[in-house]
């Protein structure tokens, strides 16, 4: 997903992860929220 590097970068910042999670399927989003 290097084409969406902006989204991946945003996910690394507080709050940005929420935006990135919304763009992904629910299952994937939950996986990203896991520690």
PDB file of N, CA and C in Angstrom:
ATOM      1  N   UNK A   1       0.839  -1.202   0.000  1.00  0.00           N
ATOM      2  CA  UNK A   1       0.000   0.000   0.000  1.00  0.00           C
ATOM      3  C   UNK A   1       0.874   1.252   0.000  1.00  0.00           C
ATOM      4  N   UNK A   2       1.966   1.220  -0.705  1.00  0.00           N
ATOM      5  CA  UNK A   2       2.858   2.383  -0.712  1.00  0.00           C
ATOM      6  C   UNK A   2       2.203   3.563  -1.423  1.00  0.00           C
ATOM      7  N   UNK A   3       1.228   3.288  -2.290  1.00  0.00           N
ATOM      8  CA  UNK A   3       0.557   4.385  -2.981  1.00  0.00           C
ATOM      9  C   UNK A   3      -0.188   5.260  -1.981  1.00  0.00           C
ATOM     10  N   UNK A   4      -0.622   4.659  -0.865  1.00  0.00           N
ATOM     11  CA  UNK A   4      -1.335   5.416   0.161  1.00  0.00           C
ATOM     12  C   UNK A   4      -0.380   5.738   1.307  1.00  0.00           C
ATOM     13  N   UNK A   5       0.835   6.111   0.967  1.00  0.00           N
ATOM     14  CA  UNK A   5       1.819   6.416   1.997  1.00  0.00           C
ATOM     15  C   UNK A   5       1.331   7.502   2.937  1.00  0.00           C
ATOM     16  N   UNK A   6       0.547   8.451   2.417  1.00  0.00           N
ATOM     17  CA  UNK A   6       0.025   9.519   3.269  1.00  0.00           C
ATOM     18  C   UNK A   6      -0.848   8.942   4.373  1.00  0.00           C
ATOM     19  N   UNK A   7      -1.677   7.950   4.014  1.00  0.00           N
ATOM     20  CA  UNK A   7      -2.555   7.354   5.019  1.00  0.00           C
ATOM     21  C   UNK A   7      -1.734   6.572   6.037  1.00  0.00           C
ATOM     22  N   UNK A   8      -0.727   5.853   5.548  1.00  0.00           N
ATOM     23  CA  UNK A   8       0.089   5.056   6.455  1.00  0.00           C
ATOM     24  C   UNK A   8       0.843   5.969   7.415  1.00  0.00           C
ATOM     25  N   UNK A   9       1.312   7.101   6.895  1.00  0.00           N
ATOM     26  CA  UNK A   9       2.034   8.044   7.743  1.00  0.00           C
ATOM     27  C   UNK A   9       1.097   8.633   8.786  1.00  0.00           C
ATOM     28  N   UNK A  10      -0.110   8.970   8.367  1.00  0.00           N
ATOM     29  CA  UNK A  10      -1.086   9.560   9.290  1.00  0.00           C
ATOM     30  C   UNK A  10      -1.398   8.577  10.414  1.00  0.00           C
ATOM     31  N   UNK A  11      -1.388   7.292  10.089  1.00  0.00           N
ATOM     32  CA  UNK A  11      -1.713   6.277  11.093  1.00  0.00           C
ATOM     33  C   UNK A  11      -0.676   6.285  12.209  1.00  0.00           C
ATOM     34  N   UNK A  12       0.527   6.758  11.908  1.00  0.00           N
ATOM     35  CA  UNK A  12       1.582   6.777  12.917  1.00  0.00           C
ATOM     36  C   UNK A  12       1.445   7.948  13.878  1.00  0.00           C
ATOM     37  N   UNK A  13       0.554   8.877  13.575  1.00  0.00           N
ATOM     38  CA  UNK A  13       0.364  10.047  14.440  1.00  0.00           C
ATOM     39  C   UNK A  13      -0.917   9.902  15.254  1.00  0.00           C
ATOM     40  N   UNK A  14      -0.963  10.482  16.433  1.00  0.00           N
ATOM     41  CA  UNK A  14      -2.172  10.430  17.269  1.00  0.00           C
ATOM     42  C   UNK A  14      -3.374  10.984  16.507  1.00  0.00           C
ATOM     43  N   UNK A  15      -4.470  10.248  16.499  1.00  0.00           N
ATOM     44  CA  UNK A  15      -5.661  10.726  15.806  1.00  0.00           C
ATOM     45  C   UNK A  15      -5.658  10.293  14.343  1.00  0.00           C
ATOM     46  N   UNK A  16      -4.494  10.313  13.713  1.00  0.00           N
ATOM     47  CA  UNK A  16      -4.417   9.899  12.318  1.00  0.00           C
ATOM     48  C   UNK A  16      -4.792   8.434  12.155  1.00  0.00           C
ATOM     49  N   UNK A  17      -4.482   7.642  13.167  1.00  0.00           N
ATOM     50  CA  UNK A  17      -4.807   6.217  13.102  1.00  0.00           C
ATOM     51  C   UNK A  17      -6.299   5.998  12.946  1.00  0.00           C
ATOM     52  N   UNK A  18      -7.088   6.870  13.557  1.00  0.00           N
ATOM     53  CA  UNK A  18      -8.545   6.723  13.474  1.00  0.00           C
ATOM     54  C   UNK A  18      -9.002   6.887  12.024  1.00  0.00           C
ATOM     55  N   UNK A  19      -8.416   7.860  11.339  1.00  0.00           N
ATOM     56  CA  UNK A  19      -8.788   8.103   9.946  1.00  0.00           C
ATOM     57  C   UNK A  19      -8.405   6.900   9.099  1.00  0.00           C
ATOM     58  N   UNK A  20      -7.212   6.379   9.323  1.00  0.00           N
ATOM     59  CA  UNK A  20      -6.729   5.244   8.545  1.00  0.00           C
ATOM     60  C   UNK A  20      -7.578   4.014   8.810  1.00  0.00           C
ATOM     61  N   UNK A  21      -7.996   3.833  10.059  1.00  0.00           N
ATOM     62  CA  UNK A  21      -8.804   2.677  10.425  1.00  0.00           C
ATOM     63  C   UNK A  21     -10.148   2.724   9.710  1.00  0.00           C
ATOM     64  N   UNK A  22     -10.714   3.911   9.611  1.00  0.00           N
ATOM     65  CA  UNK A  22     -12.027   4.054   8.970  1.00  0.00           C
ATOM     66  C   UNK A  22     -11.949   3.644   7.507  1.00  0.00           C
ATOM     67  N   UNK A  23     -10.820   3.866   6.867  1.00  0.00           N
ATOM     68  CA  UNK A  23     -10.682   3.550   5.444  1.00  0.00           C
ATOM     69  C   UNK A  23     -10.492   2.050   5.213  1.00  0.00           C
ATOM     70  N   UNK A  24     -10.140   1.334   6.263  1.00  0.00           N
ATOM     71  CA  UNK A  24      -9.917  -0.107   6.117  1.00  0.00           C
ATOM     72  C   UNK A  24     -11.142  -0.882   6.572  1.00  0.00           C
ATOM     73  N   UNK A  25     -11.245  -2.146   6.149  1.00  0.00           N
ATOM     74  CA  UNK A  25     -12.335  -3.004   6.626  1.00  0.00           C
ATOM     75  C   UNK A  25     -12.306  -3.096   8.145  1.00  0.00           C
ATOM     76  N   UNK A  26     -13.446  -3.330   8.751  1.00  0.00           N
ATOM     77  CA  UNK A  26     -13.546  -3.358  10.214  1.00  0.00           C
ATOM     78  C   UNK A  26     -12.544  -4.342  10.817  1.00  0.00           C
ATOM     79  N   UNK A  27     -12.419  -5.519  10.223  1.00  0.00           N
ATOM     80  CA  UNK A  27     -11.511  -6.532  10.777  1.00  0.00           C
ATOM     81  C   UNK A  27     -10.072  -6.031  10.765  1.00  0.00           C
ATOM     82  N   UNK A  28      -9.670  -5.422   9.665  1.00  0.00           N
ATOM     83  CA  UNK A  28      -8.300  -4.918   9.559  1.00  0.00           C
ATOM     84  C   UNK A  28      -8.096  -3.766  10.533  1.00  0.00           C
ATOM     85  N   UNK A  29      -9.090  -2.906  10.643  1.00  0.00           N
ATOM     86  CA  UNK A  29      -8.984  -1.767  11.552  1.00  0.00           C
ATOM     87  C   UNK A  29      -8.799  -2.228  12.985  1.00  0.00           C
ATOM     88  N   UNK A  30      -9.544  -3.257  13.378  1.00  0.00           N
ATOM     89  CA  UNK A  30      -9.422  -3.767  14.744  1.00  0.00           C
ATOM     90  C   UNK A  30      -8.028  -4.352  14.955  1.00  0.00           C
ATOM     91  N   UNK A  31      -7.496  -4.996  13.941  1.00  0.00           N
ATOM     92  CA  UNK A  31      -6.169  -5.597  14.063  1.00  0.00           C
ATOM     93  C   UNK A  31      -5.121  -4.505  14.285  1.00  0.00           C
ATOM     94  N   UNK A  32      -5.278  -3.376  13.589  1.00  0.00           N
ATOM     95  CA  UNK A  32      -4.308  -2.285  13.733  1.00  0.00           C
ATOM     96  C   UNK A  32      -4.392  -1.668  15.122  1.00  0.00           C
ATOM     97  N   UNK A  33      -5.566  -1.716  15.727  1.00  0.00           N
ATOM     98  CA  UNK A  33      -5.721  -1.113  17.054  1.00  0.00           C
ATOM     99  C   UNK A  33      -5.160  -2.022  18.140  1.00  0.00           C
ATOM    100  N   UNK A  34      -4.902  -3.270  17.827  1.00  0.00           N
ATOM    101  CA  UNK A  34      -4.340  -4.183  18.829  1.00  0.00           C
ATOM    102  C   UNK A  34      -2.895  -3.791  19.113  1.00  0.00           C
ATOM    103  N   UNK A  35      -2.408  -3.984  20.327  1.00  0.00           N
ATOM    104  CA  UNK A  35      -1.040  -3.629  20.705  1.00  0.00           C
ATOM    105  C   UNK A  35      -0.020  -4.505  19.977  1.00  0.00           C
TER     106      UNK A  35
END
